[in-house]
Amino acid sequence: MLSVSEERIHALRERLAAAADVDICQAELVKMLEIAEALEWRADEGHCCVGSRLLSYLTCEAQMLEQALDALNTGEFSDAISILEDYGSFMQWRNNSGDSWGTDRREDSTAFEVLPGT
């Protein structure tokens, strides 16, 4: 299964901070966004995800990656890095909050919410 790992996000942030290989970083962000959108589409179309938080999580991830890509495309590297840091934190929170299907086992289940407009 295609996925975006925390390690991949961390490496991308480091390359952006060093202003290295911006074109490669942009292409990698596009690929990450494609992966997130494909997973979001599958969750939206699949019967397995009815009533779970998975679709909301994937929608939020796609929105954050899109915002990072927009910031990178406009030359706002520090904004792109900040958004990717938030995205990495979101992924870590999601991965530690229970299972990926939305069974939240933490007390603070509202630490991250889907961005407006979804």
PDB file of N, CA and C in Angstrom:
ATOM      1  N   MET A   1       0.841  -1.182   0.000  1.00  0.00           N
ATOM      2  CA  MET A   1       0.000   0.000   0.000  1.00  0.00           C
ATOM      3  C   MET A   1       0.882   1.239   0.000  1.00  0.00           C
ATOM      4  N   LEU A   2       0.508   2.218  -0.778  1.00  0.00           N
ATOM      5  CA  LEU A   2       1.223   3.478  -0.781  1.00  0.00           C
ATOM      6  C   LEU A   2       0.869   4.266   0.467  1.00  0.00           C
ATOM      7  N   SER A   3       1.862   4.887   1.048  1.00  0.00           N
ATOM      8  CA  SER A   3       1.606   5.730   2.199  1.00  0.00           C
ATOM      9  C   SER A   3       2.704   6.774   2.309  1.00  0.00           C
ATOM     10  N   VAL A   4       2.463   7.753   3.127  1.00  0.00           N
ATOM     11  CA  VAL A   4       3.428   8.806   3.389  1.00  0.00           C
ATOM     12  C   VAL A   4       3.917   8.600   4.815  1.00  0.00           C
ATOM     13  N   SER A   5       5.210   8.405   4.973  1.00  0.00           N
ATOM     14  CA  SER A   5       5.754   8.120   6.296  1.00  0.00           C
ATOM     15  C   SER A   5       6.251   9.392   6.976  1.00  0.00           C
ATOM     16  N   GLU A   6       6.341   9.315   8.289  1.00  0.00           N
ATOM     17  CA  GLU A   6       6.875  10.434   9.065  1.00  0.00           C
ATOM     18  C   GLU A   6       8.325  10.701   8.671  1.00  0.00           C
ATOM     19  N   GLU A   7       9.075   9.642   8.387  1.00  0.00           N
ATOM     20  CA  GLU A   7      10.479   9.792   7.992  1.00  0.00           C
ATOM     21  C   GLU A   7      10.589  10.554   6.667  1.00  0.00           C
ATOM     22  N   ARG A   8       9.682  10.257   5.761  1.00  0.00           N
ATOM     23  CA  ARG A   8       9.687  10.938   4.462  1.00  0.00           C
ATOM     24  C   ARG A   8       9.381  12.421   4.628  1.00  0.00           C
ATOM     25  N   ILE A   9       8.444  12.731   5.499  1.00  0.00           N
ATOM     26  CA  ILE A   9       8.106  14.134   5.779  1.00  0.00           C
ATOM     27  C   ILE A   9       9.297  14.847   6.410  1.00  0.00           C
ATOM     28  N   HIS A  10       9.938  14.194   7.372  1.00  0.00           N
ATOM     29  CA  HIS A  10      11.098  14.782   8.055  1.00  0.00           C
ATOM     30  C   HIS A  10      12.222  15.084   7.053  1.00  0.00           C
ATOM     31  N   ALA A  11      12.524  14.136   6.172  1.00  0.00           N
ATOM     32  CA  ALA A  11      13.576  14.336   5.176  1.00  0.00           C
ATOM     33  C   ALA A  11      13.226  15.479   4.228  1.00  0.00           C
ATOM     34  N   LEU A  12      11.965  15.577   3.857  1.00  0.00           N
ATOM     35  CA  LEU A  12      11.523  16.658   2.971  1.00  0.00           C
ATOM     36  C   LEU A  12      11.675  18.010   3.663  1.00  0.00           C
ATOM     37  N   ARG A  13      11.294  18.087   4.922  1.00  0.00           N
ATOM     38  CA  ARG A  13      11.448  19.345   5.671  1.00  0.00           C
ATOM     39  C   ARG A  13      12.911  19.760   5.743  1.00  0.00           C
ATOM     40  N   GLU A  14      13.801  18.812   5.983  1.00  0.00           N
ATOM     41  CA  GLU A  14      15.229  19.128   6.065  1.00  0.00           C
ATOM     42  C   GLU A  14      15.759  19.651   4.728  1.00  0.00           C
ATOM     43  N   ARG A  15      15.350  19.035   3.631  1.00  0.00           N
ATOM     44  CA  ARG A  15      15.805  19.506   2.318  1.00  0.00           C
ATOM     45  C   ARG A  15      15.266  20.901   2.022  1.00  0.00           C
ATOM     46  N   LEU A  16      14.023  21.154   2.408  1.00  0.00           N
ATOM     47  CA  LEU A  16      13.466  22.497   2.189  1.00  0.00           C
ATOM     48  C   LEU A  16      14.168  23.535   3.055  1.00  0.00           C
ATOM     49  N   ALA A  17      14.486  23.177   4.287  1.00  0.00           N
ATOM     50  CA  ALA A  17      15.183  24.102   5.183  1.00  0.00           C
ATOM     51  C   ALA A  17      16.554  24.474   4.631  1.00  0.00           C
ATOM     52  N   ALA A  18      17.189  23.546   3.938  1.00  0.00           N
ATOM     53  CA  ALA A  18      18.494  23.809   3.330  1.00  0.00           C
ATOM     54  C   ALA A  18      18.348  24.407   1.931  1.00  0.00           C
ATOM     55  N   ALA A  19      17.097  24.624   1.507  1.00  0.00           N
ATOM     56  CA  ALA A  19      16.794  25.140   0.167  1.00  0.00           C
ATOM     57  C   ALA A  19      17.487  24.289  -0.898  1.00  0.00           C
ATOM     58  N   ALA A  20      17.514  22.980  -0.661  1.00  0.00           N
ATOM     59  CA  ALA A  20      18.170  22.060  -1.589  1.00  0.00           C
ATOM     60  C   ALA A  20      17.130  21.344  -2.448  1.00  0.00           C
ATOM     61  N   ASP A  21      17.428  21.259  -3.727  1.00  0.00           N
ATOM     62  CA  ASP A  21      16.593  20.483  -4.645  1.00  0.00           C
ATOM     63  C   ASP A  21      15.112  20.853  -4.551  1.00  0.00           C
ATOM     64  N   VAL A  22      14.805  22.118  -4.694  1.00  0.00           N
ATOM     65  CA  VAL A  22      13.426  22.584  -4.563  1.00  0.00           C
ATOM     66  C   VAL A  22      12.506  21.896  -5.569  1.00  0.00           C
ATOM     67  N   ASP A  23      12.989  21.690  -6.790  1.00  0.00           N
ATOM     68  CA  ASP A  23      12.159  21.024  -7.803  1.00  0.00           C
ATOM     69  C   ASP A  23      11.842  19.590  -7.396  1.00  0.00           C
ATOM     70  N   ILE A  24      12.823  18.903  -6.825  1.00  0.00           N
ATOM     71  CA  ILE A  24      12.603  17.533  -6.361  1.00  0.00           C
ATOM     72  C   ILE A  24      11.634  17.527  -5.183  1.00  0.00           C
ATOM     73  N   CYS A  25      11.785  18.501  -4.278  1.00  0.00           N
ATOM     74  CA  CYS A  25      10.864  18.618  -3.137  1.00  0.00           C
ATOM     75  C   CYS A  25       9.448  18.853  -3.620  1.00  0.00           C
ATOM     76  N   GLN A  26       9.309  19.711  -4.620  1.00  0.00           N
ATOM     77  CA  GLN A  26       7.988  19.992  -5.172  1.00  0.00           C
ATOM     78  C   GLN A  26       7.379  18.727  -5.776  1.00  0.00           C
ATOM     79  N   ALA A  27       8.173  17.981  -6.533  1.00  0.00           N
ATOM     80  CA  ALA A  27       7.683  16.743  -7.138  1.00  0.00           C
ATOM     81  C   ALA A  27       7.306  15.728  -6.062  1.00  0.00           C
ATOM     82  N   GLU A  28       8.079  15.672  -4.994  1.00  0.00           N
ATOM     83  CA  GLU A  28       7.767  14.742  -3.914  1.00  0.00           C
ATOM     84  C   GLU A  28       6.477  15.134  -3.200  1.00  0.00           C
ATOM     85  N   LEU A  29       6.266  16.435  -3.003  1.00  0.00           N
ATOM     86  CA  LEU A  29       5.021  16.892  -2.394  1.00  0.00           C
ATOM     87  C   LEU A  29       3.830  16.556  -3.282  1.00  0.00           C
ATOM     88  N   VAL A  30       3.982  16.723  -4.583  1.00  0.00           N
ATOM     89  CA  VAL A  30       2.909  16.377  -5.518  1.00  0.00           C
ATOM     90  C   VAL A  30       2.581  14.892  -5.390  1.00  0.00           C
ATOM     91  N   LYS A  31       3.603  14.036  -5.317  1.00  0.00           N
ATOM     92  CA  LYS A  31       3.383  12.595  -5.184  1.00  0.00           C
ATOM     93  C   LYS A  31       2.683  12.276  -3.863  1.00  0.00           C
ATOM     94  N   MET A  32       3.124  12.914  -2.773  1.00  0.00           N
ATOM     95  CA  MET A  32       2.483  12.693  -1.469  1.00  0.00           C
ATOM     96  C   MET A  32       1.012  13.095  -1.515  1.00  0.00           C
ATOM     97  N   LEU A  33       0.727  14.212  -2.175  1.00  0.00           N
ATOM     98  CA  LEU A  33      -0.650  14.672  -2.294  1.00  0.00           C
ATOM     99  C   LEU A  33      -1.473  13.689  -3.120  1.00  0.00           C
ATOM    100  N   GLU A  34      -0.905  13.168  -4.194  1.00  0.00           N
ATOM    101  CA  GLU A  34      -1.602  12.168  -4.997  1.00  0.00           C
ATOM    102  C   GLU A  34      -1.926  10.929  -4.169  1.00  0.00           C
ATOM    103  N   ILE A  35      -0.977  10.492  -3.350  1.00  0.00           N
ATOM    104  CA  ILE A  35      -1.200   9.331  -2.482  1.00  0.00           C
ATOM    105  C   ILE A  35      -2.322   9.625  -1.500  1.00  0.00           C
ATOM    106  N   ALA A  36      -2.258  10.791  -0.840  1.00  0.00           N
ATOM    107  CA  ALA A  36      -3.277  11.151   0.146  1.00  0.00           C
ATOM    108  C   ALA A  36      -4.660  11.242  -0.502  1.00  0.00           C
ATOM    109  N   GLU A  37      -4.725  11.841  -1.689  1.00  0.00           N
ATOM    110  CA  GLU A  37      -6.014  11.967  -2.375  1.00  0.00           C
ATOM    111  C   GLU A  37      -6.548  10.613  -2.830  1.00  0.00           C
ATOM    112  N   ALA A  38      -5.658   9.715  -3.267  1.00  0.00           N
ATOM    113  CA  ALA A  38      -6.097   8.378  -3.669  1.00  0.00           C
ATOM    114  C   ALA A  38      -6.644   7.611  -2.469  1.00  0.00           C
ATOM    115  N   LEU A  39      -5.970   7.705  -1.343  1.00  0.00           N
ATOM    116  CA  LEU A  39      -6.453   7.036  -0.133  1.00  0.00           C
ATOM    117  C   LEU A  39      -7.766   7.651   0.343  1.00  0.00           C
ATOM    118  N   GLU A  40      -7.859   8.974   0.235  1.00  0.00           N
ATOM    119  CA  GLU A  40      -9.100   9.659   0.608  1.00  0.00           C
ATOM    120  C   GLU A  40     -10.252   9.195  -0.285  1.00  0.00           C
ATOM    121  N   TRP A  41     -10.005   9.082  -1.577  1.00  0.00           N
ATOM    122  CA  TRP A  41     -11.039   8.634  -2.514  1.00  0.00           C
ATOM    123  C   TRP A  41     -11.488   7.221  -2.172  1.00  0.00           C
ATOM    124  N   ARG A  42     -10.515   6.332  -1.903  1.00  0.00           N
ATOM    125  CA  ARG A  42     -10.864   4.943  -1.563  1.00  0.00           C
ATOM    126  C   ARG A  42     -11.690   4.890  -0.286  1.00  0.00           C
ATOM    127  N   ALA A  43     -11.319   5.702   0.697  1.00  0.00           N
ATOM    128  CA  ALA A  43     -12.065   5.709   1.956  1.00  0.00           C
ATOM    129  C   ALA A  43     -13.476   6.241   1.747  1.00  0.00           C
ATOM    130  N   ASP A  44     -13.615   7.234   0.886  1.00  0.00           N
ATOM    131  CA  ASP A  44     -14.922   7.829   0.624  1.00  0.00           C
ATOM    132  C   ASP A  44     -15.821   6.861  -0.139  1.00  0.00           C
ATOM    133  N   GLU A  45     -15.235   6.072  -1.026  1.00  0.00           N
ATOM    134  CA  GLU A  45     -16.009   5.143  -1.845  1.00  0.00           C
ATOM    135  C   GLU A  45     -16.219   3.793  -1.177  1.00  0.00           C
ATOM    136  N   GLY A  46     -15.394   3.465  -0.219  1.00  0.00           N
ATOM    137  CA  GLY A  46     -15.443   2.134   0.377  1.00  0.00           C
ATOM    138  C   GLY A  46     -16.467   2.006   1.482  1.00  0.00           C
ATOM    139  N   HIS A  47     -17.065   0.848   1.572  1.00  0.00           N
ATOM    140  CA  HIS A  47     -18.036   0.572   2.627  1.00  0.00           C
ATOM    141  C   HIS A  47     -17.366   0.314   3.965  1.00  0.00           C
ATOM    142  N   CYS A  48     -16.070   0.003   3.926  1.00  0.00           N
ATOM    143  CA  CYS A  48     -15.354  -0.330   5.158  1.00  0.00           C
ATOM    144  C   CYS A  48     -15.190   0.871   6.077  1.00  0.00           C
ATOM    145  N   CYS A  49     -15.311   2.068   5.551  1.00  0.00           N
ATOM    146  CA  CYS A  49     -14.981   3.257   6.322  1.00  0.00           C
ATOM    147  C   CYS A  49     -16.196   4.034   6.802  1.00  0.00           C
ATOM    148  N   VAL A  50     -17.385   3.503   6.564  1.00  0.00           N
ATOM    149  CA  VAL A  50     -18.605   4.189   6.978  1.00  0.00           C
ATOM    150  C   VAL A  50     -18.602   4.321   8.500  1.00  0.00           C
ATOM    151  N   GLY A  51     -18.778   5.525   8.975  1.00  0.00           N
ATOM    152  CA  GLY A  51     -18.850   5.765  10.407  1.00  0.00           C
ATOM    153  C   GLY A  51     -17.501   5.865  11.098  1.00  0.00           C
ATOM    154  N   SER A  52     -16.411   5.807  10.354  1.00  0.00           N
ATOM    155  CA  SER A  52     -15.101   5.924  10.989  1.00  0.00           C
ATOM    156  C   SER A  52     -14.540   7.321  10.772  1.00  0.00           C
ATOM    157  N   ARG A  53     -13.459   7.598  11.448  1.00  0.00           N
ATOM    158  CA  ARG A  53     -12.801   8.901  11.300  1.00  0.00           C
ATOM    159  C   ARG A  53     -11.764   8.887  10.190  1.00  0.00           C
ATOM    160  N   LEU A  54     -11.540   7.751   9.580  1.00  0.00           N
ATOM    161  CA  LEU A  54     -10.493   7.620   8.580  1.00  0.00           C
ATOM    162  C   LEU A  54     -10.642   8.652   7.470  1.00  0.00           C
ATOM    163  N   LEU A  55     -11.841   8.820   6.941  1.00  0.00           N
ATOM    164  CA  LEU A  55     -12.041   9.779   5.854  1.00  0.00           C
ATOM    165  C   LEU A  55     -11.691  11.193   6.303  1.00  0.00           C
ATOM    166  N   SER A  56     -12.077  11.558   7.511  1.00  0.00           N
ATOM    167  CA  SER A  56     -11.742  12.887   8.026  1.00  0.00           C
ATOM    168  C   SER A  56     -10.242  13.074   8.160  1.00  0.00           C
ATOM    169  N   TYR A  57      -9.566  12.041   8.657  1.00  0.00           N
ATOM    170  CA  TYR A  57      -8.111  12.105   8.794  1.00  0.00           C
ATOM    171  C   TYR A  57      -7.449  12.277   7.430  1.00  0.00           C
ATOM    172  N   LEU A  58      -7.874  11.483   6.458  1.00  0.00           N
ATOM    173  CA  LEU A  58      -7.274  11.546   5.128  1.00  0.00           C
ATOM    174  C   LEU A  58      -7.572  12.872   4.443  1.00  0.00           C
ATOM    175  N   THR A  59      -8.762  13.404   4.652  1.00  0.00           N
ATOM    176  CA  THR A  59      -9.108  14.713   4.098  1.00  0.00           C
ATOM    177  C   THR A  59      -8.213  15.791   4.683  1.00  0.00           C
ATOM    178  N   CYS A  60      -8.006  15.744   5.984  1.00  0.00           N
ATOM    179  CA  CYS A  60      -7.137  16.710   6.651  1.00  0.00           C
ATOM    180  C   CYS A  60      -5.710  16.596   6.127  1.00  0.00           C
ATOM    181  N   GLU A  61      -5.226  15.370   5.965  1.00  0.00           N
ATOM    182  CA  GLU A  61      -3.875  15.172   5.447  1.00  0.00           C
ATOM    183  C   GLU A  61      -3.732  15.758   4.045  1.00  0.00           C
ATOM    184  N   ALA A  62      -4.699  15.496   3.176  1.00  0.00           N
ATOM    185  CA  ALA A  62      -4.647  16.013   1.807  1.00  0.00           C
ATOM    186  C   ALA A  62      -4.660  17.543   1.806  1.00  0.00           C
ATOM    187  N   GLN A  63      -5.464  18.137   2.674  1.00  0.00           N
ATOM    188  CA  GLN A  63      -5.526  19.593   2.747  1.00  0.00           C
ATOM    189  C   GLN A  63      -4.199  20.178   3.215  1.00  0.00           C
ATOM    190  N   MET A  64      -3.582  19.553   4.197  1.00  0.00           N
ATOM    191  CA  MET A  64      -2.297  20.060   4.700  1.00  0.00           C
ATOM    192  C   MET A  64      -1.214  19.951   3.624  1.00  0.00           C
ATOM    193  N   LEU A  65      -1.183  18.836   2.906  1.00  0.00           N
ATOM    194  CA  LEU A  65      -0.194  18.678   1.837  1.00  0.00           C
ATOM    195  C   LEU A  65      -0.431  19.688   0.716  1.00  0.00           C
ATOM    196  N   GLU A  66      -1.699  19.934   0.406  1.00  0.00           N
ATOM    197  CA  GLU A  66      -2.022  20.933  -0.619  1.00  0.00           C
ATOM    198  C   GLU A  66      -1.585  22.328  -0.187  1.00  0.00           C
ATOM    199  N   GLN A  67      -1.790  22.663   1.078  1.00  0.00           N
ATOM    200  CA  GLN A  67      -1.341  23.958   1.591  1.00  0.00           C
ATOM    201  C   GLN A  67       0.184  24.075   1.539  1.00  0.00           C
ATOM    202  N   ALA A  68       0.878  23.008   1.880  1.00  0.00           N
ATOM    203  CA  ALA A  68       2.347  23.019   1.828  1.00  0.00           C
ATOM    204  C   ALA A  68       2.817  23.193   0.389  1.00  0.00           C
ATOM    205  N   LEU A  69       2.171  22.509  -0.543  1.00  0.00           N
ATOM    206  CA  LEU A  69       2.533  22.636  -1.953  1.00  0.00           C
ATOM    207  C   LEU A  69       2.262  24.046  -2.457  1.00  0.00           C
ATOM    208  N   ASP A  70       1.137  24.619  -2.081  1.00  0.00           N
ATOM    209  CA  ASP A  70       0.832  26.000  -2.475  1.00  0.00           C
ATOM    210  C   ASP A  70       1.883  26.962  -1.938  1.00  0.00           C
ATOM    211  N   ALA A  71       2.283  26.779  -0.684  1.00  0.00           N
ATOM    212  CA  ALA A  71       3.311  27.643  -0.092  1.00  0.00           C
ATOM    213  C   ALA A  71       4.639  27.476  -0.830  1.00  0.00           C
ATOM    214  N   LEU A  72       4.988  26.249  -1.157  1.00  0.00           N
ATOM    215  CA  LEU A  72       6.227  25.996  -1.884  1.00  0.00           C
ATOM    216  C   LEU A  72       6.181  26.614  -3.274  1.00  0.00           C
ATOM    217  N   ASN A  73       5.039  26.506  -3.943  1.00  0.00           N
ATOM    218  CA  ASN A  73       4.895  27.071  -5.290  1.00  0.00           C
ATOM    219  C   ASN A  73       4.992  28.587  -5.309  1.00  0.00           C
ATOM    220  N   THR A  74       4.668  29.229  -4.200  1.00  0.00           N
ATOM    221  CA  THR A  74       4.760  30.695  -4.133  1.00  0.00           C
ATOM    222  C   THR A  74       6.073  31.153  -3.505  1.00  0.00           C
ATOM    223  N   GLY A  75       6.971  30.209  -3.236  1.00  0.00           N
ATOM    224  CA  GLY A  75       8.282  30.567  -2.695  1.00  0.00           C
ATOM    225  C   GLY A  75       8.326  30.789  -1.200  1.00  0.00           C
ATOM    226  N   GLU A  76       7.255  30.440  -0.517  1.00  0.00           N
ATOM    227  CA  GLU A  76       7.183  30.604   0.939  1.00  0.00           C
ATOM    228  C   GLU A  76       7.699  29.343   1.620  1.00  0.00           C
ATOM    229  N   PHE A  77       9.011  29.139   1.556  1.00  0.00           N
ATOM    230  CA  PHE A  77       9.604  27.909   2.075  1.00  0.00           C
ATOM    231  C   PHE A  77       9.361  27.732   3.570  1.00  0.00           C
ATOM    232  N   SER A  78       9.457  28.821   4.330  1.00  0.00           N
ATOM    233  CA  SER A  78       9.256  28.699   5.782  1.00  0.00           C
ATOM    234  C   SER A  78       7.822  28.298   6.098  1.00  0.00           C
ATOM    235  N   ASP A  79       6.849  28.797   5.321  1.00  0.00           N
ATOM    236  CA  ASP A  79       5.457  28.385   5.520  1.00  0.00           C
ATOM    237  C   ASP A  79       5.277  26.908   5.165  1.00  0.00           C
ATOM    238  N   ALA A  80       5.895  26.485   4.065  1.00  0.00           N
ATOM    239  CA  ALA A  80       5.800  25.085   3.658  1.00  0.00           C
ATOM    240  C   ALA A  80       6.399  24.177   4.726  1.00  0.00           C
ATOM    241  N   ILE A  81       7.543  24.571   5.275  1.00  0.00           N
ATOM    242  CA  ILE A  81       8.186  23.781   6.331  1.00  0.00           C
ATOM    243  C   ILE A  81       7.296  23.720   7.561  1.00  0.00           C
ATOM    244  N   SER A  82       6.714  24.852   7.934  1.00  0.00           N
ATOM    245  CA  SER A  82       5.831  24.894   9.107  1.00  0.00           C
ATOM    246  C   SER A  82       4.615  23.991   8.920  1.00  0.00           C
ATOM    247  N   ILE A  83       4.022  24.024   7.743  1.00  0.00           N
ATOM    248  CA  ILE A  83       2.862  23.179   7.459  1.00  0.00           C
ATOM    249  C   ILE A  83       3.268  21.704   7.506  1.00  0.00           C
ATOM    250  N   LEU A  84       4.442  21.385   6.961  1.00  0.00           N
ATOM    251  CA  LEU A  84       4.920  20.002   7.001  1.00  0.00           C
ATOM    252  C   LEU A  84       5.223  19.554   8.426  1.00  0.00           C
ATOM    253  N   GLU A  85       5.683  20.480   9.274  1.00  0.00           N
ATOM    254  CA  GLU A  85       5.874  20.147  10.691  1.00  0.00           C
ATOM    255  C   GLU A  85       4.540  19.825  11.345  1.00  0.00           C
ATOM    256  N   ASP A  86       3.534  20.640  11.049  1.00  0.00           N
ATOM    257  CA  ASP A  86       2.190  20.373  11.564  1.00  0.00           C
ATOM    258  C   ASP A  86       1.661  19.033  11.037  1.00  0.00           C
ATOM    259  N   TYR A  87       1.918  18.772   9.766  1.00  0.00           N
ATOM    260  CA  TYR A  87       1.480  17.518   9.154  1.00  0.00           C
ATOM    261  C   TYR A  87       2.151  16.329   9.834  1.00  0.00           C
ATOM    262  N   GLY A  88       3.456  16.440  10.093  1.00  0.00           N
ATOM    263  CA  GLY A  88       4.166  15.375  10.792  1.00  0.00           C
ATOM    264  C   GLY A  88       3.608  15.150  12.183  1.00  0.00           C
ATOM    265  N   SER A  89       3.285  16.229  12.885  1.00  0.00           N
ATOM    266  CA  SER A  89       2.678  16.118  14.220  1.00  0.00           C
ATOM    267  C   SER A  89       1.304  15.472  14.140  1.00  0.00           C
ATOM    268  N   PHE A  90       0.547  15.851  13.118  1.00  0.00           N
ATOM    269  CA  PHE A  90      -0.774  15.254  12.927  1.00  0.00           C
ATOM    270  C   PHE A  90      -0.659  13.751  12.682  1.00  0.00           C
ATOM    271  N   MET A  91       0.291  13.365  11.816  1.00  0.00           N
ATOM    272  CA  MET A  91       0.484  11.943  11.532  1.00  0.00           C
ATOM    273  C   MET A  91       0.869  11.184  12.799  1.00  0.00           C
ATOM    274  N   GLN A  92       1.763  11.777  13.572  1.00  0.00           N
ATOM    275  CA  GLN A  92       2.193  11.125  14.814  1.00  0.00           C
ATOM    276  C   GLN A  92       1.024  11.002  15.780  1.00  0.00           C
ATOM    277  N   TRP A  93       0.234  12.057  15.919  1.00  0.00           N
ATOM    278  CA  TRP A  93      -0.939  12.023  16.791  1.00  0.00           C
ATOM    279  C   TRP A  93      -1.920  10.952  16.323  1.00  0.00           C
ATOM    280  N   ARG A  94      -2.196  10.950  15.005  1.00  0.00           N
ATOM    281  CA  ARG A  94      -3.143   9.978  14.454  1.00  0.00           C
ATOM    282  C   ARG A  94      -2.668   8.551  14.674  1.00  0.00           C
ATOM    283  N   ASN A  95      -1.399   8.326  14.459  1.00  0.00           N
ATOM    284  CA  ASN A  95      -0.857   6.976  14.604  1.00  0.00           C
ATOM    285  C   ASN A  95      -0.836   6.507  16.060  1.00  0.00           C
ATOM    286  N   ASN A  96      -0.812   7.432  17.006  1.00  0.00           N
ATOM    287  CA  ASN A  96      -0.765   7.078  18.423  1.00  0.00           C
ATOM    288  C   ASN A  96      -2.114   7.208  19.122  1.00  0.00           C
ATOM    289  N   SER A  97      -3.147   7.603  18.381  1.00  0.00           N
ATOM    290  CA  SER A  97      -4.436   7.876  19.009  1.00  0.00           C
ATOM    291  C   SER A  97      -5.366   6.677  19.041  1.00  0.00           C
ATOM    292  N   GLY A  98      -4.913   5.568  18.622  1.00  0.00           N
ATOM    293  CA  GLY A  98      -5.764   4.384  18.511  1.00  0.00           C
ATOM    294  C   GLY A  98      -5.436   3.727  17.203  1.00  0.00           C
ATOM    295  N   ASP A  99      -6.414   3.182  16.552  1.00  0.00           N
ATOM    296  CA  ASP A  99      -6.107   2.609  15.252  1.00  0.00           C
ATOM    297  C   ASP A  99      -6.495   3.574  14.147  1.00  0.00           C
ATOM    298  N   SER A 100      -6.072   3.295  12.943  1.00  0.00           N
ATOM    299  CA  SER A 100      -6.313   4.178  11.809  1.00  0.00           C
ATOM    300  C   SER A 100      -7.776   4.243  11.409  1.00  0.00           C
ATOM    301  N   TRP A 101      -8.598   3.386  11.985  1.00  0.00           N
ATOM    302  CA  TRP A 101     -10.002   3.344  11.593  1.00  0.00           C
ATOM    303  C   TRP A 101     -10.873   4.210  12.479  1.00  0.00           C
ATOM    304  N   GLY A 102     -10.261   4.963  13.391  1.00  0.00           N
ATOM    305  CA  GLY A 102     -11.026   5.942  14.133  1.00  0.00           C
ATOM    306  C   GLY A 102     -11.412   5.545  15.534  1.00  0.00           C
ATOM    307  N   THR A 103     -10.893   4.468  16.050  1.00  0.00           N
ATOM    308  CA  THR A 103     -11.166   4.114  17.432  1.00  0.00           C
ATOM    309  C   THR A 103     -10.181   4.868  18.300  1.00  0.00           C
ATOM    310  N   ASP A 104     -10.612   5.959  18.852  1.00  0.00           N
ATOM    311  CA  ASP A 104      -9.716   6.827  19.611  1.00  0.00           C
ATOM    312  C   ASP A 104      -9.639   6.354  21.049  1.00  0.00           C
ATOM    313  N   ARG A 105      -8.426   6.087  21.487  1.00  0.00           N
ATOM    314  CA  ARG A 105      -8.228   5.603  22.851  1.00  0.00           C
ATOM    315  C   ARG A 105      -7.599   6.649  23.752  1.00  0.00           C
ATOM    316  N   ARG A 106      -7.440   7.856  23.239  1.00  0.00           N
ATOM    317  CA  ARG A 106      -6.837   8.914  24.036  1.00  0.00           C
ATOM    318  C   ARG A 106      -7.928   9.789  24.642  1.00  0.00           C
ATOM    319  N   GLU A 107      -7.579  10.457  25.723  1.00  0.00           N
ATOM    320  CA  GLU A 107      -8.539  11.359  26.352  1.00  0.00           C
ATOM    321  C   GLU A 107      -8.814  12.560  25.462  1.00  0.00           C
ATOM    322  N   ASP A 108      -7.763  13.109  24.838  1.00  0.00           N
ATOM    323  CA  ASP A 108      -7.910  14.300  24.015  1.00  0.00           C
ATOM    324  C   ASP A 108      -8.097  13.907  22.560  1.00  0.00           C
ATOM    325  N   SER A 109      -9.316  13.600  22.174  1.00  0.00           N
ATOM    326  CA  SER A 109      -9.575  13.165  20.809  1.00  0.00           C
ATOM    327  C   SER A 109      -9.846  14.332  19.875  1.00  0.00           C
ATOM    328  N   THR A 110      -9.783  15.569  20.363  1.00  0.00           N
ATOM    329  CA  THR A 110     -10.052  16.718  19.512  1.00  0.00           C
ATOM    330  C   THR A 110      -8.797  17.545  19.277  1.00  0.00           C
ATOM    331  N   ALA A 111      -7.622  16.937  19.429  1.00  0.00           N
ATOM    332  CA  ALA A 111      -6.378  17.676  19.259  1.00  0.00           C
ATOM    333  C   ALA A 111      -6.244  18.243  17.855  1.00  0.00           C
ATOM    334  N   PHE A 112      -6.743  17.510  16.853  1.00  0.00           N
ATOM    335  CA  PHE A 112      -6.725  17.976  15.474  1.00  0.00           C
ATOM    336  C   PHE A 112      -8.118  17.764  14.912  1.00  0.00           C
ATOM    337  N   GLU A 113      -8.579  18.743  14.161  1.00  0.00           N
ATOM    338  CA  GLU A 113      -9.885  18.619  13.529  1.00  0.00           C
ATOM    339  C   GLU A 113      -9.727  18.866  12.037  1.00  0.00           C
ATOM    340  N   VAL A 114     -10.673  18.407  11.263  1.00  0.00           N
ATOM    341  CA  VAL A 114     -10.642  18.638   9.823  1.00  0.00           C
ATOM    342  C   VAL A 114     -10.735  20.135   9.562  1.00  0.00           C
ATOM    343  N   LEU A 115      -9.971  20.601   8.610  1.00  0.00           N
ATOM    344  CA  LEU A 115      -9.936  22.025   8.288  1.00  0.00           C
ATOM    345  C   LEU A 115     -11.268  22.463   7.697  1.00  0.00           C
ATOM    346  N   PRO A 116     -11.634  23.733   7.861  1.00  0.00           N
ATOM    347  CA  PRO A 116     -12.905  24.237   7.304  1.00  0.00           C
ATOM    348  C   PRO A 116     -12.967  24.040   5.789  1.00  0.00           C
ATOM    349  N   GLY A 117     -14.162  23.888   5.292  1.00  0.00           N
ATOM    350  CA  GLY A 117     -14.360  23.767   3.864  1.00  0.00           C
ATOM    351  C   GLY A 117     -14.450  22.349   3.366  1.00  0.00           C
ATOM    352  N   THR A 118     -14.540  21.389   4.305  1.00  0.00           N
ATOM    353  CA  THR A 118     -14.641  20.005   3.862  1.00  0.00           C
ATOM    354  C   THR A 118     -16.058  19.527   3.950  1.00  0.00           C
TER     355      THR A 118
END
